[in-house]
PDB file of N, CA and C in Angstrom:
ATOM      1  N   MET A   1     116.303 -45.506 -38.561  1.00  0.00           N
ATOM      2  CA  MET A   1     115.816 -46.688 -38.233  1.00  0.00           C
ATOM      3  C   MET A   1     114.565 -47.344 -38.822  1.00  0.00           C
ATOM      4  N   ALA A   2     113.690 -46.373 -38.931  1.00  0.00           N
ATOM      5  CA  ALA A   2     112.350 -46.310 -39.555  1.00  0.00           C
ATOM      6  C   ALA A   2     112.704 -47.005 -41.157  1.00  0.00           C
ATOM      7  N   ARG A   3     113.468 -46.309 -41.689  1.00  0.00           N
ATOM      8  CA  ARG A   3     113.899 -46.633 -43.095  1.00  0.00           C
ATOM      9  C   ARG A   3     114.348 -48.085 -43.274  1.00  0.00           C
ATOM     10  N   TRP A   4     115.152 -48.475 -42.282  1.00  0.00           N
ATOM     11  CA  TRP A   4     115.653 -49.944 -42.297  1.00  0.00           C
ATOM     12  C   TRP A   4     114.496 -50.799 -41.983  1.00  0.00           C
ATOM     13  N   LEU A   5     113.671 -50.478 -41.282  1.00  0.00           N
ATOM     14  CA  LEU A   5     112.415 -51.274 -40.961  1.00  0.00           C
ATOM     15  C   LEU A   5     111.566 -51.416 -42.035  1.00  0.00           C
ATOM     16  N   MET A   6     111.278 -50.376 -42.686  1.00  0.00           N
ATOM     17  CA  MET A   6     110.664 -50.351 -43.844  1.00  0.00           C
ATOM     18  C   MET A   6     111.249 -51.407 -45.090  1.00  0.00           C
ATOM     19  N   ILE A   7     112.546 -51.066 -45.204  1.00  0.00           N
ATOM     20  CA  ILE A   7     113.214 -52.142 -46.212  1.00  0.00           C
ATOM     21  C   ILE A   7     113.235 -53.395 -45.585  1.00  0.00           C
ATOM     22  N   LEU A   8     113.347 -53.665 -44.532  1.00  0.00           N
ATOM     23  CA  LEU A   8     113.187 -55.044 -44.071  1.00  0.00           C
ATOM     24  C   LEU A   8     111.826 -55.709 -44.317  1.00  0.00           C
ATOM     25  N   GLY A   9     110.906 -54.889 -44.015  1.00  0.00           N
ATOM     26  CA  GLY A   9     109.340 -55.315 -44.402  1.00  0.00           C
ATOM     27  C   GLY A   9     109.301 -55.558 -45.689  1.00  0.00           C
ATOM     28  N   ALA A  10     109.829 -54.624 -46.718  1.00  0.00           N
ATOM     29  CA  ALA A  10     109.531 -55.079 -48.178  1.00  0.00           C
ATOM     30  C   ALA A  10     110.110 -56.260 -48.578  1.00  0.00           C
ATOM     31  N   ILE A  11     111.462 -56.497 -47.827  1.00  0.00           N
ATOM     32  CA  ILE A  11     112.207 -57.816 -48.320  1.00  0.00           C
ATOM     33  C   ILE A  11     111.247 -58.909 -47.899  1.00  0.00           C
ATOM     34  N   VAL A  12     110.807 -58.812 -46.581  1.00  0.00           N
ATOM     35  CA  VAL A  12     109.873 -60.120 -45.998  1.00  0.00           C
ATOM     36  C   VAL A  12     108.709 -60.015 -46.941  1.00  0.00           C
ATOM     37  N   PHE A  13     108.067 -59.138 -47.258  1.00  0.00           N
ATOM     38  CA  PHE A  13     106.912 -59.173 -48.137  1.00  0.00           C
ATOM     39  C   PHE A  13     107.258 -59.738 -49.547  1.00  0.00           C
ATOM     40  N   VAL A  14     108.159 -59.397 -50.173  1.00  0.00           N
ATOM     41  CA  VAL A  14     108.669 -59.852 -51.573  1.00  0.00           C
ATOM     42  C   VAL A  14     108.892 -61.508 -51.342  1.00  0.00           C
ATOM     43  N   THR A  15     109.682 -61.819 -50.396  1.00  0.00           N
ATOM     44  CA  THR A  15     110.007 -63.060 -50.213  1.00  0.00           C
ATOM     45  C   THR A  15     108.780 -63.985 -50.004  1.00  0.00           C
ATOM     46  N   GLY A  16     107.796 -63.396 -49.057  1.00  0.00           N
ATOM     47  CA  GLY A  16     106.540 -64.100 -48.971  1.00  0.00           C
ATOM     48  C   GLY A  16     105.815 -64.497 -50.160  1.00  0.00           C
ATOM     49  N   ALA A  17     105.694 -63.381 -50.802  1.00  0.00           N
ATOM     50  CA  ALA A  17     105.069 -63.366 -52.183  1.00  0.00           C
ATOM     51  C   ALA A  17     105.753 -64.399 -53.162  1.00  0.00           C
ATOM     52  N   LEU A  18     107.062 -64.497 -53.228  1.00  0.00           N
ATOM     53  CA  LEU A  18     107.506 -65.360 -54.033  1.00  0.00           C
ATOM     54  C   LEU A  18     107.281 -66.703 -53.679  1.00  0.00           C
ATOM     55  N   LEU A  19     107.216 -67.070 -52.440  1.00  0.00           N
ATOM     56  CA  LEU A  19     107.263 -68.407 -51.840  1.00  0.00           C
ATOM     57  C   LEU A  19     105.481 -68.846 -52.130  1.00  0.00           C
ATOM     58  N   HIS A  20     104.673 -67.912 -52.053  1.00  0.00           N
ATOM     59  CA  HIS A  20     103.208 -68.081 -52.132  1.00  0.00           C
ATOM     60  C   HIS A  20     102.788 -68.315 -53.672  1.00  0.00           C
ATOM     61  N   PHE A  21     103.397 -67.444 -54.480  1.00  0.00           N
ATOM     62  CA  PHE A  21     102.863 -67.440 -56.023  1.00  0.00           C
ATOM     63  C   PHE A  21     103.778 -68.128 -56.799  1.00  0.00           C
ATOM     64  N   ALA A  22     105.188 -68.208 -56.408  1.00  0.00           N
ATOM     65  CA  ALA A  22     106.094 -69.068 -57.264  1.00  0.00           C
ATOM     66  C   ALA A  22     107.068 -69.821 -56.520  1.00  0.00           C
ATOM     67  N   PRO A  23     106.556 -70.834 -55.950  1.00  0.00           N
ATOM     68  CA  PRO A  23     107.383 -71.568 -54.934  1.00  0.00           C
ATOM     69  C   PRO A  23     108.584 -72.158 -55.628  1.00  0.00           C
ATOM     70  N   TRP A  24     108.545 -72.557 -57.018  1.00  0.00           N
ATOM     71  CA  TRP A  24     109.508 -73.209 -57.602  1.00  0.00           C
ATOM     72  C   TRP A  24     110.629 -72.154 -57.812  1.00  0.00           C
ATOM     73  N   SER A  25     110.486 -70.784 -57.737  1.00  0.00           N
ATOM     74  CA  SER A  25     111.723 -69.816 -57.870  1.00  0.00           C
ATOM     75  C   SER A  25     112.811 -70.123 -56.922  1.00  0.00           C
ATOM     76  N   LEU A  26     112.467 -70.576 -55.688  1.00  0.00           N
ATOM     77  CA  LEU A  26     113.446 -70.747 -54.757  1.00  0.00           C
ATOM     78  C   LEU A  26     113.698 -72.310 -54.601  1.00  0.00           C
ATOM     79  N   ASN A  27     113.612 -73.108 -55.607  1.00  0.00           N
ATOM     80  CA  ASN A  27     113.986 -74.475 -55.409  1.00  0.00           C
ATOM     81  C   ASN A  27     115.601 -74.771 -55.237  1.00  0.00           C
ATOM     82  N   TRP A  28     116.268 -74.002 -55.851  1.00  0.00           N
ATOM     83  CA  TRP A  28     117.767 -73.931 -55.777  1.00  0.00           C
ATOM     84  C   TRP A  28     118.230 -73.977 -54.419  1.00  0.00           C
ATOM     85  N   PHE A  29     117.545 -73.205 -53.323  1.00  0.00           N
ATOM     86  CA  PHE A  29     118.310 -73.047 -52.120  1.00  0.00           C
ATOM     87  C   PHE A  29     118.321 -74.561 -51.326  1.00  0.00           C
ATOM     88  N   GLY A  30     119.465 -74.729 -51.197  1.00  0.00           N
ATOM     89  CA  GLY A  30     119.635 -75.983 -50.418  1.00  0.00           C
ATOM     90  C   GLY A  30     120.297 -77.209 -51.251  1.00  0.00           C
ATOM     91  N   LYS A  31     120.175 -77.014 -52.377  1.00  0.00           N
ATOM     92  CA  LYS A  31     120.458 -78.012 -53.451  1.00  0.00           C
ATOM     93  C   LYS A  31     121.758 -77.765 -54.238  1.00  0.00           C
ATOM     94  N   LEU A  32     122.529 -76.728 -53.734  1.00  0.00           N
ATOM     95  CA  LEU A  32     123.680 -76.460 -54.454  1.00  0.00           C
ATOM     96  C   LEU A  32     125.152 -77.212 -54.126  1.00  0.00           C
ATOM     97  N   PRO A  33     125.920 -77.394 -54.813  1.00  0.00           N
ATOM     98  CA  PRO A  33     127.048 -78.202 -54.493  1.00  0.00           C
ATOM     99  C   PRO A  33     127.776 -77.472 -53.300  1.00  0.00           C
ATOM    100  N   GLY A  34     128.171 -78.198 -52.233  1.00  0.00           N
ATOM    101  CA  GLY A  34     128.677 -77.412 -51.174  1.00  0.00           C
ATOM    102  C   GLY A  34     127.707 -77.338 -49.908  1.00  0.00           C
ATOM    103  N   ASP A  35     126.499 -77.573 -50.047  1.00  0.00           N
ATOM    104  CA  ASP A  35     125.424 -77.618 -49.247  1.00  0.00           C
ATOM    105  C   ASP A  35     125.535 -78.871 -48.374  1.00  0.00           C
ATOM    106  N   ILE A  36     125.539 -79.038 -46.866  1.00  0.00           N
ATOM    107  CA  ILE A  36     125.762 -80.211 -46.543  1.00  0.00           C
ATOM    108  C   ILE A  36     124.427 -80.963 -45.793  1.00  0.00           C
ATOM    109  N   ARG A  37     124.094 -82.108 -46.258  1.00  0.00           N
ATOM    110  CA  ARG A  37     122.995 -82.659 -45.629  1.00  0.00           C
ATOM    111  C   ARG A  37     123.329 -84.094 -45.294  1.00  0.00           C
ATOM    112  N   ILE A  38     123.160 -84.393 -43.880  1.00  0.00           N
ATOM    113  CA  ILE A  38     123.526 -85.477 -43.315  1.00  0.00           C
ATOM    114  C   ILE A  38     122.195 -86.215 -42.795  1.00  0.00           C
ATOM    115  N   GLU A  39     121.894 -87.441 -43.186  1.00  0.00           N
ATOM    116  CA  GLU A  39     120.682 -88.185 -42.686  1.00  0.00           C
ATOM    117  C   GLU A  39     121.096 -89.494 -42.329  1.00  0.00           C
ATOM    118  N   SER A  40     120.623 -89.775 -41.034  1.00  0.00           N
ATOM    119  CA  SER A  40     120.713 -91.001 -40.381  1.00  0.00           C
ATOM    120  C   SER A  40     119.410 -91.550 -39.724  1.00  0.00           C
ATOM    121  N   GLN A  41     119.580 -92.507 -39.142  1.00  0.00           N
ATOM    122  CA  GLN A  41     118.234 -93.204 -38.461  1.00  0.00           C
ATOM    123  C   GLN A  41     117.657 -92.421 -37.311  1.00  0.00           C
ATOM    124  N   HIS A  42     118.654 -91.544 -36.714  1.00  0.00           N
ATOM    125  CA  HIS A  42     118.405 -90.783 -35.639  1.00  0.00           C
ATOM    126  C   HIS A  42     118.092 -89.283 -35.838  1.00  0.00           C
ATOM    127  N   GLY A  43     118.325 -88.811 -37.083  1.00  0.00           N
ATOM    128  CA  GLY A  43     117.894 -87.420 -37.283  1.00  0.00           C
ATOM    129  C   GLY A  43     118.527 -87.032 -38.619  1.00  0.00           C
ATOM    130  N   LYS A  44     118.249 -85.786 -38.637  1.00  0.00           N
ATOM    131  CA  LYS A  44     118.729 -85.014 -40.058  1.00  0.00           C
ATOM    132  C   LYS A  44     119.595 -83.677 -39.724  1.00  0.00           C
ATOM    133  N   VAL A  45     120.577 -83.511 -40.233  1.00  0.00           N
ATOM    134  CA  VAL A  45     121.246 -82.270 -40.282  1.00  0.00           C
ATOM    135  C   VAL A  45     121.459 -81.608 -41.653  1.00  0.00           C
ATOM    136  N   PHE A  46     121.114 -80.421 -41.733  1.00  0.00           N
ATOM    137  CA  PHE A  46     121.257 -79.652 -42.892  1.00  0.00           C
ATOM    138  C   PHE A  46     121.836 -78.302 -42.754  1.00  0.00           C
ATOM    139  N   ILE A  47     123.002 -78.323 -43.528  1.00  0.00           N
ATOM    140  CA  ILE A  47     123.817 -76.804 -43.355  1.00  0.00           C
ATOM    141  C   ILE A  47     123.908 -76.268 -44.633  1.00  0.00           C
ATOM    142  N   PRO A  48     123.325 -75.331 -45.171  1.00  0.00           N
ATOM    143  CA  PRO A  48     123.246 -74.662 -46.482  1.00  0.00           C
ATOM    144  C   PRO A  48     124.382 -73.577 -46.616  1.00  0.00           C
ATOM    145  N   VAL A  49     125.681 -74.327 -46.567  1.00  0.00           N
ATOM    146  CA  VAL A  49     126.905 -73.363 -46.717  1.00  0.00           C
ATOM    147  C   VAL A  49     126.901 -72.506 -47.890  1.00  0.00           C
ATOM    148  N   THR A  50     126.798 -73.236 -49.240  1.00  0.00           N
ATOM    149  CA  THR A  50     126.997 -72.367 -50.429  1.00  0.00           C
ATOM    150  C   THR A  50     125.828 -71.673 -50.637  1.00  0.00           C
ATOM    151  N   SER A  51     124.503 -72.013 -50.332  1.00  0.00           N
ATOM    152  CA  SER A  51     123.321 -71.252 -50.360  1.00  0.00           C
ATOM    153  C   SER A  51     123.676 -69.874 -49.634  1.00  0.00           C
ATOM    154  N   MET A  52     124.140 -69.888 -48.658  1.00  0.00           N
ATOM    155  CA  MET A  52     124.296 -68.790 -47.652  1.00  0.00           C
ATOM    156  C   MET A  52     125.299 -67.894 -48.242  1.00  0.00           C
ATOM    157  N   LEU A  53     126.364 -68.456 -48.706  1.00  0.00           N
ATOM    158  CA  LEU A  53     127.374 -67.709 -49.398  1.00  0.00           C
ATOM    159  C   LEU A  53     126.716 -66.847 -50.620  1.00  0.00           C
ATOM    160  N   VAL A  54     125.969 -67.577 -51.347  1.00  0.00           N
ATOM    161  CA  VAL A  54     125.379 -66.865 -52.673  1.00  0.00           C
ATOM    162  C   VAL A  54     124.415 -65.784 -52.001  1.00  0.00           C
ATOM    163  N   ILE A  55     123.499 -66.054 -50.978  1.00  0.00           N
ATOM    164  CA  ILE A  55     122.521 -64.988 -50.664  1.00  0.00           C
ATOM    165  C   ILE A  55     123.509 -63.928 -50.040  1.00  0.00           C
ATOM    166  N   SER A  56     124.474 -64.111 -49.181  1.00  0.00           N
ATOM    167  CA  SER A  56     125.497 -63.035 -48.576  1.00  0.00           C
ATOM    168  C   SER A  56     125.923 -62.148 -49.710  1.00  0.00           C
ATOM    169  N   ALA A  57     126.441 -62.781 -50.824  1.00  0.00           N
ATOM    170  CA  ALA A  57     126.959 -62.133 -51.923  1.00  0.00           C
ATOM    171  C   ALA A  57     126.143 -61.076 -52.662  1.00  0.00           C
ATOM    172  N   VAL A  58     124.802 -61.668 -52.802  1.00  0.00           N
ATOM    173  CA  VAL A  58     123.782 -60.855 -53.396  1.00  0.00           C
ATOM    174  C   VAL A  58     123.362 -59.669 -52.426  1.00  0.00           C
ATOM    175  N   LEU A  59     123.091 -60.061 -51.230  1.00  0.00           N
ATOM    176  CA  LEU A  59     122.658 -58.920 -50.270  1.00  0.00           C
ATOM    177  C   LEU A  59     123.883 -57.986 -50.181  1.00  0.00           C
ATOM    178  N   THR A  60     125.037 -58.329 -50.153  1.00  0.00           N
ATOM    179  CA  THR A  60     126.130 -57.326 -50.074  1.00  0.00           C
ATOM    180  C   THR A  60     126.201 -56.406 -51.077  1.00  0.00           C
ATOM    181  N   LEU A  61     125.935 -57.067 -52.589  1.00  0.00           N
ATOM    182  CA  LEU A  61     125.857 -56.153 -53.730  1.00  0.00           C
ATOM    183  C   LEU A  61     124.632 -55.107 -53.803  1.00  0.00           C
ATOM    184  N   LEU A  62     123.629 -55.677 -53.154  1.00  0.00           N
ATOM    185  CA  LEU A  62     122.341 -54.831 -53.234  1.00  0.00           C
ATOM    186  C   LEU A  62     122.568 -53.640 -52.199  1.00  0.00           C
ATOM    187  N   LEU A  63     123.178 -54.075 -51.024  1.00  0.00           N
ATOM    188  CA  LEU A  63     123.326 -52.925 -50.071  1.00  0.00           C
ATOM    189  C   LEU A  63     124.346 -51.956 -50.347  1.00  0.00           C
ATOM    190  N   HIS A  64     125.379 -52.416 -51.260  1.00  0.00           N
ATOM    191  CA  HIS A  64     126.383 -51.522 -51.688  1.00  0.00           C
ATOM    192  C   HIS A  64     125.830 -50.588 -52.714  1.00  0.00           C
ATOM    193  N   LEU A  65     124.874 -51.052 -53.720  1.00  0.00           N
ATOM    194  CA  LEU A  65     124.147 -50.366 -54.555  1.00  0.00           C
ATOM    195  C   LEU A  65     123.306 -49.269 -53.930  1.00  0.00           C
ATOM    196  N   PHE A  66     122.508 -49.577 -52.871  1.00  0.00           N
ATOM    197  CA  PHE A  66     121.458 -48.826 -52.317  1.00  0.00           C
ATOM    198  C   PHE A  66     122.198 -47.656 -51.525  1.00  0.00           C
ATOM    199  N   LYS A  67     123.370 -48.038 -51.034  1.00  0.00           N
ATOM    200  CA  LYS A  67     124.120 -47.087 -50.123  1.00  0.00           C
ATOM    201  C   LYS A  67     124.597 -45.907 -50.843  1.00  0.00           C
ATOM    202  N   ARG A  68     124.932 -46.027 -52.120  1.00  0.00           N
ATOM    203  CA  ARG A  68     125.334 -44.917 -52.976  1.00  0.00           C
ATOM    204  C   ARG A  68     124.318 -43.976 -53.177  1.00  0.00           C
TER     205      ARG A  68
END
């Protein structure tokens, strides 16, 4: 359990550092074809379907590599 918490902490740290020092590196998130964005006078709805599929595939590959 401690190992997973340390890995999760490292991922959060790296993501935070990227957002702080290189915010343009994550500009693609939410702008891929297939991401749903609905704007009306009463509100906004944003569903990043394609972005979540890409992140899921990358995390699956990384976990598969680290598991070996």
